[in-house]
Amino acid sequence: MALTFELYKDKAGEHRWRLKHSNGNVLATSSEGYSSKAAALKGIENVKASADAPVVEV
């Protein structure tokens, strides 16, 4: 399974990211726009660091 983080600017000029599978499906997106590219990259790093989270049924 090949995953890629895409970093882009939205229509408002804010930085956002999305996690895409190699088949084109979007698996996750940033829930907010970031004012800087560095902040968006930090958001990606936070997701990478917490990707080993448990599954909780609600």
Protein backbone atom coordinates (compact mmCIF):
# COMPACT_ATOMS: atom_id res chain seq x y z
CA MET A 1 0.00 0.00 0.00
CA ALA A 2 1.59 3.27 -1.10
CA LEU A 3 0.46 6.39 0.72
CA THR A 4 1.36 9.99 -0.08
CA PHE A 5 0.81 13.23 1.81
CA GLU A 6 -0.14 16.03 -0.60
CA LEU A 7 0.48 19.59 0.54
CA TYR A 8 -1.47 22.34 -1.24
CA LYS A 9 -3.03 25.79 -0.89
CA ASP A 10 -6.80 26.10 -0.80
CA LYS A 11 -8.88 28.86 -2.43
CA ALA A 12 -8.42 31.07 0.63
CA GLY A 13 -4.64 30.79 0.32
CA GLU A 14 -4.27 28.57 3.39
CA HIS A 15 -2.03 25.51 3.43
CA ARG A 16 -3.70 22.13 3.74
CA TRP A 17 -2.72 18.48 3.44
CA ARG A 18 -4.42 15.26 2.41
CA LEU A 19 -3.29 11.65 2.71
CA LYS A 20 -3.90 9.71 -0.50
CA HIS A 21 -3.65 6.04 -1.35
CA SER A 22 -1.95 5.07 -4.61
CA ASN A 23 -5.40 4.20 -6.02
CA GLY A 24 -6.40 7.89 -5.67
CA ASN A 25 -8.66 7.55 -2.63
CA VAL A 26 -8.29 10.28 -0.02
CA LEU A 27 -7.85 8.65 3.38
CA ALA A 28 -7.48 11.76 5.56
CA THR A 29 -7.43 15.53 5.26
CA SER A 30 -6.41 18.43 7.45
CA SER A 31 -9.40 19.64 9.42
CA GLU A 32 -8.19 23.21 9.20
CA GLY A 33 -6.22 25.51 6.95
CA TYR A 34 -2.77 26.55 8.14
CA SER A 35 -1.39 30.06 7.72
CA SER A 36 2.10 28.77 6.90
CA LYS A 37 3.60 25.84 5.05
CA ALA A 38 5.70 25.04 8.13
CA ALA A 39 2.57 24.72 10.27
CA ALA A 40 0.96 22.37 7.74
CA LEU A 41 4.12 20.24 7.66
CA LYS A 42 4.01 20.10 11.47
CA GLY A 43 0.42 18.85 11.20
CA ILE A 44 1.59 16.08 8.87
CA GLU A 45 4.34 15.13 11.33
CA ASN A 46 1.77 14.98 14.15
CA VAL A 47 -0.37 12.57 12.11
CA LYS A 48 2.66 10.41 11.32
CA ALA A 49 3.65 10.29 14.99
CA SER A 50 0.18 9.27 16.18
CA ALA A 51 -0.59 6.81 13.37
CA ASP A 52 0.00 3.93 15.78
CA ALA A 53 -3.15 4.88 17.72
CA PRO A 54 -5.55 2.21 18.96
CA VAL A 55 -9.02 1.69 17.49
CA VAL A 56 -11.85 2.62 19.84
CA GLU A 57 -15.45 1.62 19.21
CA VAL A 58 -17.98 4.30 20.10
